[in-house]
Amino acid sequence: MTQSDPVLCAPSRPHAFSPRATEIIAAGRRLLEAEGADALTMRRMGAELGIQAPSIYKHLPGKHAVELALVDEALAEIGLALHQAVRHPGPTGSVASVLAAYREYALAHPNLYRLATGSRLPRGSTTPSLEDWSGEPFFLATGDPQVAQAMFSFAHGMVILELDQRFPDGSDLQRTWDAGADAFVSACRSRSATSAVAPAPRA
């Protein structure tokens, strides 16, 4: 698989950022990843780059633009990881592979994950088609839109509970993830079987 494969390339934003804007966004990501959302301020980003906060407005309209760019980055990275999981599922199958890749990314980038999935930015304000492309592997792994939505909901809920340390001490979370994967595989088979025996509509 090559980098030019359209399936494994996230949709591009309509307009590229300037080099300085890219530096500002990178500084914002460093602060977010290291310290959380409260550190993502114009003053802190300016200090990170050795410039005054008002200078940032010459390159980006405000903090929301940085947040939106970081949401785009997260969606692109999550989507790439999940598409690769579908393409190369291994012996566990595509459902388990997608769930594992989703969990791995979220736990490795908890603050960025929270921004991307809990952001109050208006739906549809990200790069066109990016959010759909990022979530597409859930459908590719299941072949059923309802099972895919249920699988995403399970994955997101599990990740948030794990990040917030809300599971009881001693919980074997891998077994919980495995049980979820088994349940979604069974759901796909059940819905497929039901569709196969459904009577043909009358003319």
Protein backbone atom coordinates (compact mmCIF):
# COMPACT_ATOMS: atom_id res chain seq x y z
CA MET A 1 0.00 0.00 0.00
CA THR A 2 1.43 3.35 -1.01
CA GLN A 3 1.01 6.78 0.51
CA SER A 4 -0.85 7.84 -2.65
CA ASP A 5 -3.63 5.32 -2.02
CA PRO A 6 -6.75 7.56 -1.90
CA VAL A 7 -8.37 5.46 0.83
CA LEU A 8 -5.40 5.99 3.13
CA CYS A 9 -5.09 9.72 2.43
CA ALA A 10 -7.26 12.01 4.52
CA PRO A 11 -9.27 14.69 2.69
CA SER A 12 -7.22 17.87 2.44
CA ARG A 13 -8.34 21.25 3.74
CA PRO A 14 -9.27 23.73 1.00
CA HIS A 15 -6.51 26.19 1.90
CA ALA A 16 -3.07 25.37 3.29
CA PHE A 17 -1.78 27.22 6.35
CA SER A 18 1.16 29.58 6.07
CA PRO A 19 4.47 28.36 7.54
CA ARG A 20 4.03 30.64 10.57
CA ALA A 21 0.45 29.50 11.16
CA THR A 22 1.68 25.90 10.99
CA GLU A 23 4.25 26.69 13.68
CA ILE A 24 1.57 28.22 15.89
CA ILE A 25 -0.67 25.17 15.50
CA ALA A 26 2.26 22.88 16.30
CA ALA A 27 3.00 24.91 19.42
CA GLY A 28 -0.63 24.61 20.43
CA ARG A 29 -0.52 20.87 20.00
CA ARG A 30 2.60 20.57 22.15
CA LEU A 31 0.88 22.52 24.93
CA LEU A 32 -2.35 20.57 24.60
CA GLU A 33 -0.66 17.18 24.60
CA ALA A 34 1.59 18.02 27.55
CA GLU A 35 -0.74 20.00 29.81
CA GLY A 36 -4.31 19.74 28.58
CA ALA A 37 -6.87 22.12 27.13
CA ASP A 38 -6.40 24.80 29.80
CA ALA A 39 -2.86 25.40 28.52
CA LEU A 40 -4.10 26.14 25.01
CA THR A 41 -4.15 29.94 25.26
CA MET A 42 -2.87 32.64 22.93
CA ARG A 43 -0.44 33.82 25.61
CA ARG A 44 1.03 30.36 26.13
CA MET A 45 1.31 29.71 22.41
CA GLY A 46 3.04 33.04 21.96
CA ALA A 47 5.47 32.28 24.76
CA GLU A 48 6.15 28.87 23.25
CA LEU A 49 7.25 30.60 20.04
CA GLY A 50 8.92 33.60 21.64
CA ILE A 51 6.40 36.10 20.30
CA GLN A 52 3.69 38.29 21.79
CA ALA A 53 0.18 36.85 21.80
CA PRO A 54 -1.28 39.66 19.62
CA SER A 55 1.17 38.69 16.87
CA ILE A 56 -0.63 35.37 16.47
CA TYR A 57 -3.68 37.18 15.09
CA LYS A 58 -1.63 38.16 12.04
CA HIS A 59 -1.59 34.51 11.05
CA LEU A 60 -4.73 32.97 12.56
CA PRO A 61 -8.06 34.56 13.53
CA GLY A 62 -7.98 33.25 17.10
CA LYS A 63 -7.81 30.29 19.45
CA HIS A 64 -10.78 28.61 17.76
CA ALA A 65 -8.77 28.37 14.54
CA VAL A 66 -6.00 26.53 16.38
CA GLU A 67 -8.51 24.20 17.99
CA LEU A 68 -10.16 23.49 14.66
CA ALA A 69 -6.81 22.73 13.05
CA LEU A 70 -5.96 20.35 15.88
CA VAL A 71 -9.33 18.61 15.54
CA ASP A 72 -8.55 18.15 11.85
CA GLU A 73 -5.16 16.67 12.75
CA ALA A 74 -6.69 14.26 15.22
CA LEU A 75 -9.44 13.13 12.82
CA ALA A 76 -6.87 12.58 10.07
CA GLU A 77 -4.57 10.59 12.34
CA ILE A 78 -7.40 8.50 13.81
CA GLY A 79 -8.81 7.86 10.35
CA LEU A 80 -5.44 6.76 9.00
CA ALA A 81 -4.90 4.38 11.92
CA LEU A 82 -8.37 2.87 11.50
CA HIS A 83 -8.17 2.53 7.72
CA GLN A 84 -4.86 0.74 8.14
CA ALA A 85 -6.46 -1.52 10.74
CA VAL A 86 -9.17 -2.48 8.24
CA ARG A 87 -6.64 -3.09 5.48
CA HIS A 88 -4.35 -5.17 7.69
CA PRO A 89 -6.57 -6.71 10.38
CA GLY A 90 -4.42 -9.67 11.35
CA PRO A 91 -5.77 -12.87 12.89
CA THR A 92 -8.22 -11.10 15.21
CA GLY A 93 -10.31 -9.74 12.36
CA SER A 94 -11.20 -6.23 11.27
CA VAL A 95 -13.64 -5.43 14.09
CA ALA A 96 -11.13 -6.20 16.84
CA SER A 97 -8.37 -4.52 14.85
CA VAL A 98 -10.33 -1.27 14.45
CA LEU A 99 -11.25 -1.22 18.14
CA ALA A 100 -7.63 -1.83 19.15
CA ALA A 101 -6.35 0.93 16.87
CA TYR A 102 -8.96 3.38 18.18
CA ARG A 103 -8.09 2.62 21.79
CA GLU A 104 -4.35 2.82 21.13
CA TYR A 105 -4.61 6.26 19.54
CA ALA A 106 -6.90 7.69 22.20
CA LEU A 107 -4.74 6.48 25.08
CA ALA A 108 -1.59 7.77 23.40
CA HIS A 109 -3.10 11.24 22.79
CA PRO A 110 -5.72 11.70 25.51
CA ASN A 111 -5.90 15.49 25.47
CA LEU A 112 -6.02 15.70 21.69
CA TYR A 113 -8.63 12.94 21.64
CA ARG A 114 -10.81 14.81 24.12
CA LEU A 115 -10.58 17.98 22.05
CA ALA A 116 -11.51 16.17 18.85
CA THR A 117 -14.44 14.19 20.26
CA GLY A 118 -15.71 16.59 22.92
CA SER A 119 -15.19 19.86 21.08
CA ARG A 120 -18.02 22.39 20.94
CA LEU A 121 -16.96 23.44 17.47
CA PRO A 122 -19.97 23.29 15.11
CA ARG A 123 -20.42 19.95 13.38
CA GLY A 124 -19.31 20.35 9.80
CA SER A 125 -16.72 23.01 10.60
CA THR A 126 -13.85 20.59 10.02
CA THR A 127 -12.30 19.92 6.63
CA PRO A 128 -15.09 18.71 4.28
CA SER A 129 -15.58 14.92 4.33
CA LEU A 130 -12.83 14.45 6.92
CA GLU A 131 -15.09 13.40 9.78
CA ASP A 132 -16.93 10.90 7.58
CA TRP A 133 -13.66 9.49 6.23
CA SER A 134 -12.27 9.16 9.75
CA GLY A 135 -15.26 7.15 10.92
CA GLU A 136 -15.71 5.11 7.75
CA PRO A 137 -13.62 2.14 9.00
CA PHE A 138 -16.32 1.31 11.55
CA PHE A 139 -18.67 0.67 8.63
CA LEU A 140 -16.01 -1.06 6.56
CA ALA A 141 -15.35 -3.45 9.46
CA THR A 142 -19.02 -4.27 10.05
CA GLY A 143 -20.81 -3.68 6.76
CA ASP A 144 -23.83 -2.40 8.66
CA PRO A 145 -24.49 1.28 9.48
CA GLN A 146 -26.33 0.63 12.77
CA VAL A 147 -23.74 -1.85 14.03
CA ALA A 148 -21.03 0.60 12.98
CA GLN A 149 -22.61 3.39 15.04
CA ALA A 150 -23.01 1.09 18.01
CA MET A 151 -19.39 0.01 17.68
CA PHE A 152 -18.18 3.61 17.60
CA SER A 153 -20.31 4.45 20.63
CA PHE A 154 -18.86 1.49 22.51
CA ALA A 155 -15.30 2.46 21.58
CA HIS A 156 -15.72 6.10 22.57
CA GLY A 157 -17.46 5.27 25.84
CA MET A 158 -14.84 2.69 26.76
CA VAL A 159 -12.00 5.10 26.02
CA ILE A 160 -13.50 7.95 28.05
CA LEU A 161 -14.18 5.69 31.02
CA GLU A 162 -10.64 4.36 30.82
CA LEU A 163 -9.13 7.85 30.57
CA ASP A 164 -11.23 9.00 33.50
CA GLN A 165 -10.28 5.87 35.48
CA ARG A 166 -13.93 5.07 36.13
CA PHE A 167 -13.61 1.29 35.91
CA PRO A 168 -13.32 -0.64 39.20
CA ASP A 169 -9.82 -1.48 40.35
CA GLY A 170 -8.61 -4.74 38.93
CA SER A 171 -10.86 -4.64 35.89
CA ASP A 172 -9.47 -6.64 32.97
CA LEU A 173 -10.22 -4.05 30.31
CA GLN A 174 -8.71 -6.07 27.49
CA ARG A 175 -11.26 -8.79 28.14
CA THR A 176 -13.98 -6.14 28.07
CA TRP A 177 -12.75 -4.85 24.70
CA ASP A 178 -12.56 -8.44 23.42
CA ALA A 179 -16.11 -9.09 24.59
CA GLY A 180 -17.27 -5.99 22.75
CA ALA A 181 -15.52 -7.10 19.56
CA ASP A 182 -17.13 -10.54 19.82
CA ALA A 183 -20.55 -8.97 20.33
CA PHE A 184 -20.24 -6.78 17.24
CA VAL A 185 -19.03 -9.66 15.09
CA SER A 186 -22.03 -11.69 16.27
CA ALA A 187 -24.35 -8.77 15.56
CA CYS A 188 -23.01 -8.49 12.02
CA ARG A 189 -23.54 -12.19 11.41
CA SER A 190 -27.03 -12.10 12.86
CA ARG A 191 -28.13 -9.12 10.77
CA SER A 192 -26.56 -10.65 7.68
CA ALA A 193 -28.41 -13.93 8.25
CA THR A 194 -31.67 -12.09 8.82
CA SER A 195 -31.27 -10.18 5.57
CA ALA A 196 -30.46 -13.37 3.69
CA VAL A 197 -33.72 -15.09 4.68
CA ALA A 198 -35.97 -12.05 4.40
CA PRO A 199 -38.80 -12.64 1.91
CA ALA A 200 -38.60 -10.80 -1.37
CA PRO A 201 -41.06 -7.90 -1.69
CA ARG A 202 -44.16 -8.57 -3.75
CA ALA A 203 -44.41 -6.94 -7.11
